[in-house]
Amino acid sequence: MTRSIRIAAAVAATLSIGLIAGCGGSSTEAASSTSADSAMTKQQYVTQVNALCVEASARGKALTLPTDAASVDGFLIGQENIGKNIIEGIAALPAPADISTSVTTILDTYKAQLALITGARDKIASGSDPIPELQGIATAGKPLTVTANAAATAAGLTKCVD
C-alpha cells in the first residue's frame, strides 16, 4: 500500500470518531445553566443543538482530505476548529434539567475527542509519523463516539449521532 493510500485510510478511520459529525466551553455551564431568563424547553434545546450538529457535519464533510503527510496538519486543524465550535455552541446553551446529564456526557466525550486530535497534531509537529497518530485517534476515539452517541440518543439529539 502506498503511503498516500495509507494516509487516506488513516484519515477515514479518524473521521469515524464522530466529533466532526457530532457536537461540542464547559460542560458544567451547559448542564447547570437554568436561570429563568435562559431556560429553554427541551424541544427548543434539541432543535438548536441538532442545528449545530448539522452544521458541524457539513463542515466536516467539506474538509479536504489529506493525500500526503504534508497536508495532514491542515486537515487536523479543520477538525479542531469544528470540534471547538460545536463544544462552545453546546456549552453556551442552557440544557434542560431532564437531559443535563446526557449533555454533560456529550460535552465531556467531545472534549476528550478534541484532545486526541490536538495531541496527534502536537506529536506530528514534533516529527511523529502521521499514519500511526491518525490511527491512534481512530482507535481511542471509537469508544468515545459510542458514549457520545448513546448520550445524544438519550437526549433526543438525533442529528448528533454518528
Protein backbone atom coordinates (compact mmCIF):
# COMPACT_ATOMS: atom_id res chain seq x y z
CA MET A 1 0.00 0.00 0.00
CA THR A 2 1.44 3.38 -0.95
CA ARG A 3 1.99 5.98 1.73
CA SER A 4 -0.73 8.32 0.38
CA ILE A 5 -3.27 5.50 0.33
CA ARG A 6 -2.31 4.61 3.90
CA ILE A 7 -2.78 8.25 4.90
CA ALA A 8 -6.21 8.30 3.25
CA ALA A 9 -7.16 5.11 5.06
CA ALA A 10 -5.94 6.52 8.37
CA VAL A 11 -7.89 9.74 7.77
CA ALA A 12 -11.04 7.78 7.01
CA ALA A 13 -10.60 5.94 10.29
CA THR A 14 -10.03 9.25 12.08
CA LEU A 15 -13.30 10.60 10.71
CA SER A 16 -15.08 7.70 12.34
CA ILE A 17 -14.57 9.16 15.82
CA GLY A 18 -17.64 11.26 15.28
CA LEU A 19 -16.52 14.60 16.68
CA ILE A 20 -16.88 16.38 13.40
CA ALA A 21 -20.09 14.54 12.66
CA GLY A 22 -21.49 15.37 16.04
CA CYS A 23 -21.46 18.09 18.63
CA GLY A 24 -19.09 20.13 21.15
CA GLY A 25 -16.70 25.66 26.88
CA SER A 26 -17.62 23.97 29.91
CA SER A 27 -19.91 21.02 30.44
CA THR A 28 -20.76 22.38 33.88
CA GLU A 29 -22.07 25.59 32.34
CA ALA A 30 -24.25 23.72 29.87
CA ALA A 31 -25.66 21.36 32.45
CA SER A 32 -26.25 23.86 35.22
CA SER A 33 -27.39 26.96 33.38
CA THR A 34 -31.04 27.00 34.40
CA SER A 35 -31.93 30.58 35.31
CA ALA A 36 -35.42 31.73 34.43
CA ASP A 37 -34.02 34.14 31.84
CA SER A 38 -32.15 31.45 29.97
CA ALA A 39 -34.46 28.46 30.43
CA MET A 40 -35.35 26.59 27.26
CA THR A 41 -37.82 23.88 26.67
CA LYS A 42 -36.38 20.52 25.77
CA GLN A 43 -37.70 20.88 22.23
CA GLN A 44 -36.09 24.31 21.81
CA TYR A 45 -32.81 22.96 23.11
CA VAL A 46 -32.92 19.85 20.91
CA THR A 47 -33.73 21.95 17.84
CA GLN A 48 -30.83 24.33 18.46
CA VAL A 49 -28.26 21.64 19.26
CA ASN A 50 -29.36 19.49 16.32
CA ALA A 51 -28.82 22.53 14.07
CA LEU A 52 -25.30 22.91 15.48
CA CYS A 53 -24.62 19.24 14.75
CA VAL A 54 -25.91 19.51 11.18
CA GLU A 55 -23.62 22.50 10.62
CA ALA A 56 -20.63 20.65 12.14
CA SER A 57 -21.32 17.64 9.96
CA ALA A 58 -21.46 19.77 6.81
CA ARG A 59 -18.20 21.49 7.74
CA GLY A 60 -16.59 18.10 8.38
CA LYS A 61 -17.70 16.77 5.01
CA ALA A 62 -16.27 19.89 3.36
CA LEU A 63 -12.77 19.32 4.76
CA THR A 64 -10.21 18.45 2.14
CA LEU A 65 -8.84 15.03 2.95
CA PRO A 66 -5.06 14.94 3.07
CA THR A 67 -3.33 12.95 0.39
CA ASP A 68 0.15 13.16 1.85
CA ALA A 69 1.87 13.75 5.16
CA ALA A 70 2.29 17.47 4.48
CA SER A 71 -1.47 18.05 4.26
CA VAL A 72 -2.41 16.19 7.45
CA ASP A 73 -1.90 19.20 9.74
CA GLY A 74 -4.36 21.37 7.82
CA PHE A 75 -6.92 18.59 7.96
CA LEU A 76 -6.49 18.19 11.72
CA ILE A 77 -6.70 21.97 12.22
CA GLY A 78 -10.04 21.86 10.42
CA GLN A 79 -11.22 19.07 12.71
CA GLU A 80 -10.05 21.01 15.77
CA ASN A 81 -11.91 24.14 14.69
CA ILE A 82 -15.12 22.21 14.10
CA GLY A 83 -14.75 20.48 17.45
CA LYS A 84 -14.10 23.71 19.33
CA ASN A 85 -17.10 25.39 17.69
CA ILE A 86 -19.52 22.58 18.50
CA ILE A 87 -18.28 22.31 22.09
CA GLU A 88 -18.63 26.06 22.59
CA GLY A 89 -22.03 26.12 20.89
CA ILE A 90 -23.50 23.38 23.05
CA ALA A 91 -21.91 24.75 26.23
CA ALA A 92 -23.46 28.16 25.54
CA LEU A 93 -26.98 26.74 25.57
CA PRO A 94 -28.74 26.05 28.87
CA ALA A 95 -29.54 22.35 28.93
CA PRO A 96 -32.93 21.42 30.38
CA ALA A 97 -32.59 19.56 33.67
CA ASP A 98 -34.05 16.30 32.35
CA ILE A 99 -31.24 15.91 29.78
CA SER A 100 -28.40 17.76 31.52
CA THR A 101 -26.57 14.55 32.46
CA SER A 102 -26.60 13.42 28.82
CA VAL A 103 -25.41 16.84 27.67
CA THR A 104 -22.55 16.75 30.18
CA THR A 105 -21.56 13.32 28.86
CA ILE A 106 -21.66 14.57 25.26
CA LEU A 107 -19.50 17.58 26.07
CA ASP A 108 -17.03 15.52 28.08
CA THR A 109 -16.61 12.98 25.29
CA TYR A 110 -16.31 15.67 22.61
CA LYS A 111 -13.62 17.37 24.69
CA ALA A 112 -11.78 14.06 25.00
CA GLN A 113 -12.01 13.55 21.23
CA LEU A 114 -10.73 17.08 20.66
CA ALA A 115 -7.80 16.36 22.98
CA LEU A 116 -6.95 13.31 20.86
CA ILE A 117 -6.81 15.45 17.73
CA THR A 118 -4.75 18.17 19.42
CA GLY A 119 -2.37 15.60 20.88
CA ALA A 120 -1.86 14.00 17.48
CA ARG A 121 -1.17 17.38 15.89
CA ASP A 122 1.43 18.13 18.56
CA LYS A 123 3.14 14.77 18.02
CA ILE A 124 3.13 15.14 14.26
CA ALA A 125 4.61 18.65 14.60
CA SER A 126 7.36 17.10 16.73
CA GLY A 127 8.22 14.64 13.98
CA SER A 128 5.96 11.65 14.58
CA ASP A 129 4.70 9.72 11.58
CA PRO A 130 1.14 10.92 10.86
CA ILE A 131 -0.23 7.49 10.00
CA PRO A 132 0.07 5.94 13.48
CA GLU A 133 -1.12 9.20 15.02
CA LEU A 134 -4.26 9.23 12.86
CA GLN A 135 -4.83 5.56 13.60
CA GLY A 136 -4.42 6.35 17.30
CA ILE A 137 -7.15 8.98 17.10
CA ALA A 138 -9.46 6.46 15.47
CA THR A 139 -8.70 3.69 17.96
CA ALA A 140 -9.01 5.83 21.08
CA GLY A 141 -11.94 7.80 19.66
CA LYS A 142 -14.24 4.90 18.84
CA PRO A 143 -15.35 4.19 22.44
CA LEU A 144 -15.81 7.93 22.97
CA THR A 145 -18.05 8.07 19.91
CA VAL A 146 -20.12 5.17 21.25
CA THR A 147 -20.55 7.03 24.55
CA ALA A 148 -21.41 10.34 22.87
CA ASN A 149 -23.88 8.65 20.52
CA ALA A 150 -25.66 6.92 23.41
CA ALA A 151 -25.92 10.20 25.33
CA ALA A 152 -27.13 12.08 22.25
CA THR A 153 -29.76 9.43 21.57
CA ALA A 154 -30.94 9.56 25.19
CA ALA A 155 -31.26 13.37 24.95
CA GLY A 156 -33.12 13.24 21.64
CA LEU A 157 -30.25 14.86 19.76
CA THR A 158 -30.73 12.74 16.66
CA LYS A 159 -28.56 14.91 14.39
CA CYS A 160 -25.64 14.49 16.79
CA VAL A 161 -25.46 10.73 16.40
CA ASP A 162 -22.74 9.50 14.10
